[in-house]
């Protein structure tokens, strides 16, 4: 009964690949990314006749192979910080939540006077006038030059007569009294453009120096992921990642920073897991338009092996004498070839040995 014998052979072939798949799964569960020698066993009653073709075939490929780990994350904005009031008065205006304020833009208003954003890491903590010196003076001069009010200014820490004239030109452009001096009632230094996340005060509130008015973030998007402390090596700064975005599509990025502090998470006080937070910056932030705090999946690229031979993981066979092999299909015949395993990744595994080359057909289970 040739038809019945064919069905039996096909069943034996599927069993052969199933047994091998279970052994490979056990190997992967052991956490080995690169394996020099692995042993497996196939029951004698499940041997496939040597002349039986496999259910399907794939090919040996030469490629760059990378291991990766998937973790969940949330999409947000970088560099959250507070904006405090700089001068006493009544709060008369705040920007809309979600809006972005750039250099020379209106950040808030007290007593009808707009306080404008300028870039710098040092806060505007004093009134600046001719003769003053310091890092805040340098910041002011950098901004005046960037805005076109002080093209001839030397970027140094001295408030010169030229700085006075540049400040007057800036004040005139904004309808202010041209005093040539400025301070916290006119300028708020922030590290860069900011996005308004929350309002910490309401119009009509009394403002005093140091009182929080706004919570802001940077304008660039980022992803935050949390990892077990034991996985910290997966997300070193500079590690490349691919972020799977809500609604489809993906974006490339890399780990920008990893928090030094450890947090404990979990609902059970006795079983909390120590976690670290890593922040991911996008290669092209402008392409990321999903909602704030949207959930994402992050593929963290691990080890990379360049120009290696690979086969699909499900092409591996557990050989009767131990170890793994692949079933090579040539000219309507098959033969088992022992291989040495390397790194697993992307659904494939690095192999060597057996005289295999790119394009060689190997047996796989039916898709």
Protein backbone atom coordinates (compact mmCIF):
# COMPACT_ATOMS: atom_id res chain seq x y z
CA UNK A 1 0.00 0.00 0.00
CA UNK A 2 2.26 2.79 -1.27
CA UNK A 3 -0.10 5.63 -0.25
CA UNK A 4 -0.37 4.42 3.33
CA UNK A 5 3.41 3.96 3.59
CA UNK A 6 3.88 7.55 2.32
CA UNK A 7 1.56 8.86 5.02
CA UNK A 8 3.47 6.92 7.67
CA UNK A 9 6.80 8.34 6.44
CA UNK A 10 5.40 11.85 6.52
CA UNK A 11 4.20 11.34 10.09
CA UNK A 12 7.63 10.03 11.10
CA UNK A 13 9.25 13.09 9.45
CA UNK A 14 7.03 15.50 11.38
CA UNK A 15 7.81 13.64 14.62
CA UNK A 16 11.53 13.86 13.91
CA UNK A 17 11.42 17.66 13.60
CA UNK A 18 9.08 17.95 16.60
CA UNK A 19 11.50 16.07 18.84
CA UNK A 20 14.36 18.25 17.61
CA UNK A 21 12.33 21.42 18.16
CA UNK A 22 11.66 20.40 21.77
CA UNK A 23 15.36 19.80 22.37
CA UNK A 24 16.26 23.16 20.78
CA UNK A 25 13.63 24.88 22.94
CA UNK A 26 15.24 23.36 26.00
CA UNK A 27 18.63 24.64 24.85
CA UNK A 28 17.24 28.16 24.36
CA UNK A 29 15.52 28.07 27.75
CA UNK A 30 18.93 27.49 29.28
CA UNK A 31 19.90 31.00 28.21
CA UNK A 32 22.81 30.11 25.91
CA UNK A 33 23.20 32.63 23.09
CA UNK A 34 26.26 30.89 21.67
CA UNK A 35 26.70 27.14 22.08
CA UNK A 36 29.82 25.21 21.30
CA UNK A 37 28.47 21.71 21.86
CA UNK A 38 24.93 20.57 22.62
CA UNK A 39 23.65 17.05 22.88
CA UNK A 40 20.24 15.76 21.96
CA UNK A 41 18.66 12.34 21.46
CA UNK A 42 16.03 10.96 19.15
CA UNK A 43 14.10 7.81 20.01
CA UNK A 44 14.99 4.91 17.75
CA UNK A 45 11.32 4.29 16.90
CA UNK A 46 11.07 7.78 15.41
CA UNK A 47 13.82 7.46 12.81
CA UNK A 48 12.87 8.68 9.35
CA UNK A 49 13.88 6.40 6.44
CA UNK A 50 16.95 7.80 4.76
CA UNK A 51 15.15 8.15 1.42
CA UNK A 52 12.12 10.01 2.85
CA UNK A 53 12.00 13.66 1.81
CA UNK A 54 11.31 16.24 4.55
CA UNK A 55 7.91 17.97 4.76
CA UNK A 56 9.42 21.24 3.43
CA UNK A 57 12.80 22.90 2.76
CA UNK A 58 14.62 26.14 3.43
CA UNK A 59 18.14 27.25 2.51
CA UNK A 60 21.46 27.87 4.20
CA UNK A 61 22.20 31.62 4.20
CA UNK A 62 25.30 33.73 4.72
CA UNK A 63 24.34 36.82 6.73
CA UNK A 64 24.97 39.03 9.74
CA UNK A 65 23.14 37.52 12.70
CA UNK A 66 22.16 39.34 15.87
CA UNK A 67 20.60 38.18 19.09
CA UNK A 68 17.88 40.38 20.51
CA UNK A 69 15.63 40.69 23.55
CA UNK A 70 12.11 42.10 23.57
CA UNK A 71 10.90 44.27 26.46
CA UNK A 72 7.84 46.45 26.99
CA UNK A 73 8.22 50.22 27.25
CA UNK A 74 6.26 53.44 27.19
CA UNK A 75 6.61 56.37 24.82
CA UNK A 76 7.18 59.77 26.37
CA UNK A 77 9.29 62.90 26.27
CA UNK A 78 12.82 63.41 27.57
CA UNK A 79 14.18 65.61 30.36
CA UNK A 80 11.25 66.32 32.66
CA UNK A 81 11.80 69.35 34.92
CA UNK A 82 10.00 72.13 36.81
CA UNK A 83 9.81 75.77 35.73
CA UNK A 84 9.67 78.07 38.75
CA UNK A 85 8.56 81.68 38.96
CA UNK A 86 11.31 84.27 38.67
CA UNK A 87 9.64 87.37 40.08
CA UNK A 88 6.73 88.20 42.36
CA UNK A 89 3.36 89.14 40.87
CA UNK A 90 0.02 87.81 39.65
CA UNK A 91 0.09 85.02 37.10
CA UNK A 92 -1.73 86.35 34.02
CA UNK A 93 -1.00 83.69 31.35
CA UNK A 94 0.37 80.18 30.85
CA UNK A 95 0.94 78.25 27.60
CA UNK A 96 -1.35 75.37 26.66
CA UNK A 97 -0.57 71.87 27.86
CA UNK A 98 1.14 69.92 25.08
CA UNK A 99 2.49 73.03 23.35
CA UNK A 100 6.18 73.55 22.65
CA UNK A 101 8.08 76.72 23.56
CA UNK A 102 11.34 77.46 21.75
CA UNK A 103 14.04 80.10 22.16
CA UNK A 104 12.56 83.60 22.67
CA UNK A 105 9.06 82.15 22.97
CA UNK A 106 6.63 83.20 25.72
CA UNK A 107 6.95 80.82 28.67
CA UNK A 108 4.58 82.51 31.14
CA UNK A 109 3.32 85.98 32.09
CA UNK A 110 3.10 87.84 35.40
CA UNK A 111 1.41 91.21 35.85
CA UNK A 112 0.99 91.31 32.06
CA UNK A 113 4.76 91.01 31.45
CA UNK A 114 5.93 88.05 29.38
CA UNK A 115 8.86 85.98 30.59
CA UNK A 116 10.66 84.53 27.55
CA UNK A 117 12.60 81.31 27.19
CA UNK A 118 16.32 81.40 26.45
CA UNK A 119 18.66 78.42 26.32
CA UNK A 120 21.17 77.67 29.05
CA UNK A 121 21.91 75.27 31.87
CA UNK A 122 22.39 77.92 34.56
CA UNK A 123 19.18 79.52 35.91
CA UNK A 124 18.47 83.23 35.61
CA UNK A 125 18.90 84.03 39.30
CA UNK A 126 19.82 87.75 39.22
CA UNK A 127 19.43 90.95 37.22
CA UNK A 128 22.23 91.26 34.67
CA UNK A 129 23.81 94.62 33.85
CA UNK A 130 26.96 96.13 32.40
CA UNK A 131 30.05 95.10 34.35
CA UNK A 132 28.64 91.76 35.54
CA UNK A 133 30.57 88.57 34.86
CA UNK A 134 29.69 84.89 34.98
CA UNK A 135 28.32 81.85 33.17
CA UNK A 136 24.85 83.39 33.07
CA UNK A 137 26.29 86.39 31.17
CA UNK A 138 27.82 83.99 28.62
CA UNK A 139 24.43 82.31 28.19
CA UNK A 140 22.73 85.65 27.62
CA UNK A 141 25.27 86.66 24.98
CA UNK A 142 24.97 83.29 23.22
CA UNK A 143 21.20 83.77 22.97
CA UNK A 144 21.45 87.38 21.79
CA UNK A 145 23.82 86.27 19.03
CA UNK A 146 21.58 83.33 18.07
CA UNK A 147 18.56 85.66 17.83
CA UNK A 148 20.40 88.20 15.69
CA UNK A 149 20.65 91.02 18.26
CA UNK A 150 24.38 90.74 18.94
CA UNK A 151 26.21 89.48 15.86
CA UNK A 152 29.43 91.25 16.89
CA UNK A 153 29.38 90.08 20.52
CA UNK A 154 32.27 87.97 21.77
CA UNK A 155 30.88 84.92 23.55
CA UNK A 156 32.55 85.34 26.92
CA UNK A 157 31.50 85.96 30.52
CA UNK A 158 31.76 89.76 30.55
CA UNK A 159 28.69 92.04 30.25
CA UNK A 160 30.19 94.71 27.98
CA UNK A 161 28.77 97.95 26.54
CA UNK A 162 28.09 95.93 23.37
CA UNK A 163 26.00 93.52 25.46
CA UNK A 164 23.99 96.47 26.78
CA UNK A 165 23.20 97.60 23.24
CA UNK A 166 22.24 94.08 22.19
CA UNK A 167 19.86 93.77 25.18
CA UNK A 168 18.28 97.12 24.22
CA UNK A 169 17.69 95.86 20.68
CA UNK A 170 16.06 92.72 22.04
CA UNK A 171 13.88 94.74 24.43
CA UNK A 172 12.80 97.10 21.64
CA UNK A 173 11.75 94.16 19.46
CA UNK A 174 9.42 92.98 22.23
CA UNK A 175 7.98 96.37 23.16
CA UNK A 176 9.86 96.60 26.47
CA UNK A 177 11.48 99.60 28.07
CA UNK A 178 15.02 99.78 26.66
CA UNK A 179 17.09 99.69 29.85
CA UNK A 180 19.93 97.47 28.65
CA UNK A 181 19.55 95.36 31.80
CA UNK A 182 17.49 92.19 32.16
CA UNK A 183 16.66 89.57 34.75
CA UNK A 184 14.20 86.90 35.96
CA UNK A 185 11.22 89.18 35.25
CA UNK A 186 12.04 88.96 31.51
CA UNK A 187 14.03 85.76 30.90
CA UNK A 188 13.92 82.13 32.05
CA UNK A 189 16.93 79.98 31.14
CA UNK A 190 16.09 76.36 30.25
CA UNK A 191 18.36 73.68 28.70
CA UNK A 192 16.52 73.83 25.38
CA UNK A 193 13.08 73.95 23.80
CA UNK A 194 10.43 72.65 26.20
CA UNK A 195 7.09 70.91 25.88
CA UNK A 196 4.43 71.84 28.45
CA UNK A 197 3.45 68.67 30.29
CA UNK A 198 1.46 70.06 33.24
CA UNK A 199 0.46 73.39 34.75
CA UNK A 200 1.39 73.66 38.42
CA UNK A 201 -0.40 76.99 38.96
CA UNK A 202 -3.49 78.74 37.60
CA UNK A 203 -4.01 82.18 36.10
CA UNK A 204 -4.74 84.56 38.94
CA UNK A 205 -2.43 82.83 41.43
CA UNK A 206 0.19 84.85 43.22
CA UNK A 207 3.65 84.04 41.95
CA UNK A 208 6.83 84.27 43.98
CA UNK A 209 10.43 83.39 43.10
CA UNK A 210 10.92 79.62 43.31
CA UNK A 211 7.23 78.68 43.14
CA UNK A 212 6.58 75.91 40.56
CA UNK A 213 4.53 77.12 37.61
CA UNK A 214 4.98 74.40 34.98
CA UNK A 215 6.21 70.86 34.53
CA UNK A 216 8.00 70.62 31.22
CA UNK A 217 9.84 68.04 29.18
CA UNK A 218 12.24 68.29 26.30
CA UNK A 219 10.63 68.37 22.87
CA UNK A 220 12.33 65.11 21.76
CA UNK A 221 10.51 61.80 22.12
CA UNK A 222 11.99 58.95 24.14
CA UNK A 223 11.04 55.48 25.33
CA UNK A 224 11.46 54.29 28.89
CA UNK A 225 11.96 50.60 29.62
CA UNK A 226 12.37 48.79 32.90
CA UNK A 227 14.69 45.82 33.20
CA UNK A 228 15.51 43.38 35.96
CA UNK A 229 18.84 44.27 37.52
CA UNK A 230 20.18 40.94 36.25
CA UNK A 231 19.49 42.17 32.67
CA UNK A 232 21.35 45.46 33.07
CA UNK A 233 24.06 44.45 30.60
CA UNK A 234 21.46 44.22 27.83
CA UNK A 235 20.92 47.98 27.78
CA UNK A 236 24.27 49.70 27.98
CA UNK A 237 24.37 53.28 26.64
CA UNK A 238 24.82 53.16 22.88
CA UNK A 239 23.11 49.78 22.44
CA UNK A 240 21.01 49.79 19.27
CA UNK A 241 17.28 49.09 19.48
CA UNK A 242 14.21 48.90 17.26
CA UNK A 243 10.96 50.25 18.71
CA UNK A 244 7.71 48.68 17.49
CA UNK A 245 5.23 51.58 17.49
CA UNK A 246 1.49 51.50 18.23
CA UNK A 247 -0.61 50.95 15.12
CA UNK A 248 2.27 49.40 13.18
CA UNK A 249 5.62 50.60 11.97
CA UNK A 250 8.93 50.81 13.75
CA UNK A 251 11.67 53.32 14.54
CA UNK A 252 15.38 52.86 15.14
CA UNK A 253 17.13 54.22 18.20
CA UNK A 254 19.72 53.53 20.85
CA UNK A 255 19.97 53.46 24.63
CA UNK A 256 20.74 57.03 25.70
CA UNK A 257 21.08 56.55 29.45
CA UNK A 258 20.50 54.12 32.29
CA UNK A 259 19.41 55.27 35.74
CA UNK A 260 21.91 54.58 38.50
CA UNK A 261 19.15 54.08 41.07
CA UNK A 262 17.26 50.79 41.50
CA UNK A 263 13.52 50.66 42.16
CA UNK A 264 11.50 47.76 43.49
CA UNK A 265 8.29 46.89 41.70
CA UNK A 266 5.45 44.43 42.23
CA UNK A 267 2.17 44.23 44.11
CA UNK A 268 3.46 41.72 46.67
CA UNK A 269 5.67 43.50 49.24
CA UNK A 270 7.56 40.27 49.91
CA UNK A 271 8.19 39.52 46.25
CA UNK A 272 9.12 42.85 44.69
CA UNK A 273 11.61 42.74 41.83
CA UNK A 274 14.51 45.21 41.65
CA UNK A 275 14.39 47.13 38.37
CA UNK A 276 16.46 49.71 36.54
CA UNK A 277 15.12 52.27 34.06
CA UNK A 278 16.75 52.84 30.68
CA UNK A 279 15.91 55.70 28.31
CA UNK A 280 15.96 55.26 24.55
CA UNK A 281 16.51 58.09 22.07
CA UNK A 282 15.26 57.84 18.49
CA UNK A 283 17.56 58.19 15.50
CA UNK A 284 14.88 60.31 13.76
CA UNK A 285 12.50 61.66 16.46
CA UNK A 286 10.43 63.57 13.91
CA UNK A 287 8.99 60.32 12.55
CA UNK A 288 7.52 59.31 15.92
CA UNK A 289 4.01 60.71 16.29
CA UNK A 290 2.25 58.27 18.65
CA UNK A 291 0.46 59.51 21.77
CA UNK A 292 2.31 60.26 24.99
CA UNK A 293 2.60 57.23 27.32
CA UNK A 294 1.57 54.85 24.52
CA UNK A 295 2.85 51.29 25.09
CA UNK A 296 5.59 50.06 22.76
CA UNK A 297 7.74 46.97 22.31
CA UNK A 298 11.51 47.39 22.20
CA UNK A 299 13.86 44.96 20.47
CA UNK A 300 17.27 45.32 22.08
CA UNK A 301 20.06 44.24 19.76
CA UNK A 302 22.58 42.03 21.48
CA UNK A 303 25.64 40.29 20.11
CA UNK A 304 26.23 40.52 16.36
CA UNK A 305 28.00 37.84 14.32
CA UNK A 306 29.03 39.04 10.86
CA UNK A 307 29.09 36.99 7.68
CA UNK A 308 28.11 33.61 9.18
CA UNK A 309 26.20 30.64 7.81
CA UNK A 310 22.71 30.21 9.26
CA UNK A 311 19.69 27.91 9.01
CA UNK A 312 16.20 28.25 10.53
CA UNK A 313 16.13 27.01 14.11
CA UNK A 314 13.46 24.48 13.18
CA UNK A 315 15.82 22.90 10.63
CA UNK A 316 17.93 21.43 13.45
CA UNK A 317 17.71 17.70 14.11
CA UNK A 318 18.62 15.92 17.33
CA UNK A 319 20.99 13.22 16.07
CA UNK A 320 20.82 9.68 17.50
CA UNK A 321 24.43 9.77 18.68
CA UNK A 322 24.06 13.15 20.35
CA UNK A 323 24.45 16.67 19.08
CA UNK A 324 22.63 18.41 16.25
CA UNK A 325 22.53 18.23 12.50
CA UNK A 326 20.53 19.31 9.49
CA UNK A 327 18.91 17.25 6.76
CA UNK A 328 20.46 18.25 3.44
CA UNK A 329 18.25 17.78 0.36
CA UNK A 330 20.08 17.26 -2.96
CA UNK A 331 18.76 15.85 -6.22
CA UNK A 332 15.76 14.17 -4.64
CA UNK A 333 17.83 12.50 -1.90
CA UNK A 334 18.48 13.42 1.71
CA UNK A 335 21.36 13.01 4.14
CA UNK A 336 21.90 14.08 7.73
CA UNK A 337 24.88 16.40 8.27
CA UNK A 338 26.28 17.06 11.73
CA UNK A 339 26.81 20.76 12.50
CA UNK A 340 28.26 22.83 15.31
CA UNK A 341 25.92 25.48 16.67
CA UNK A 342 26.77 29.12 17.32
CA UNK A 343 24.53 32.05 18.15
CA UNK A 344 20.73 31.99 18.00
CA UNK A 345 18.87 35.07 16.77
CA UNK A 346 16.12 36.30 14.44
CA UNK A 347 14.62 32.80 14.25
CA UNK A 348 17.86 31.36 12.88
CA UNK A 349 21.01 29.78 14.25
CA UNK A 350 24.66 30.04 13.27
CA UNK A 351 26.14 26.76 12.04
CA UNK A 352 29.51 25.47 10.93
CA UNK A 353 30.87 22.17 9.63
CA UNK A 354 29.59 19.60 7.19
CA UNK A 355 30.80 21.40 4.09
CA UNK A 356 27.61 23.45 3.90
CA UNK A 357 27.41 26.57 1.74
CA UNK A 358 24.87 29.31 0.99
CA UNK A 359 21.91 28.05 -1.02
CA UNK A 360 22.09 24.45 0.22
CA UNK A 361 18.57 23.12 0.83
CA UNK A 362 17.78 21.80 4.30
CA UNK A 363 14.68 20.09 5.59
CA UNK A 364 12.18 21.92 7.82
CA UNK A 365 8.70 21.11 9.14
CA UNK A 366 5.74 21.99 6.95
CA UNK A 367 4.76 25.64 7.49
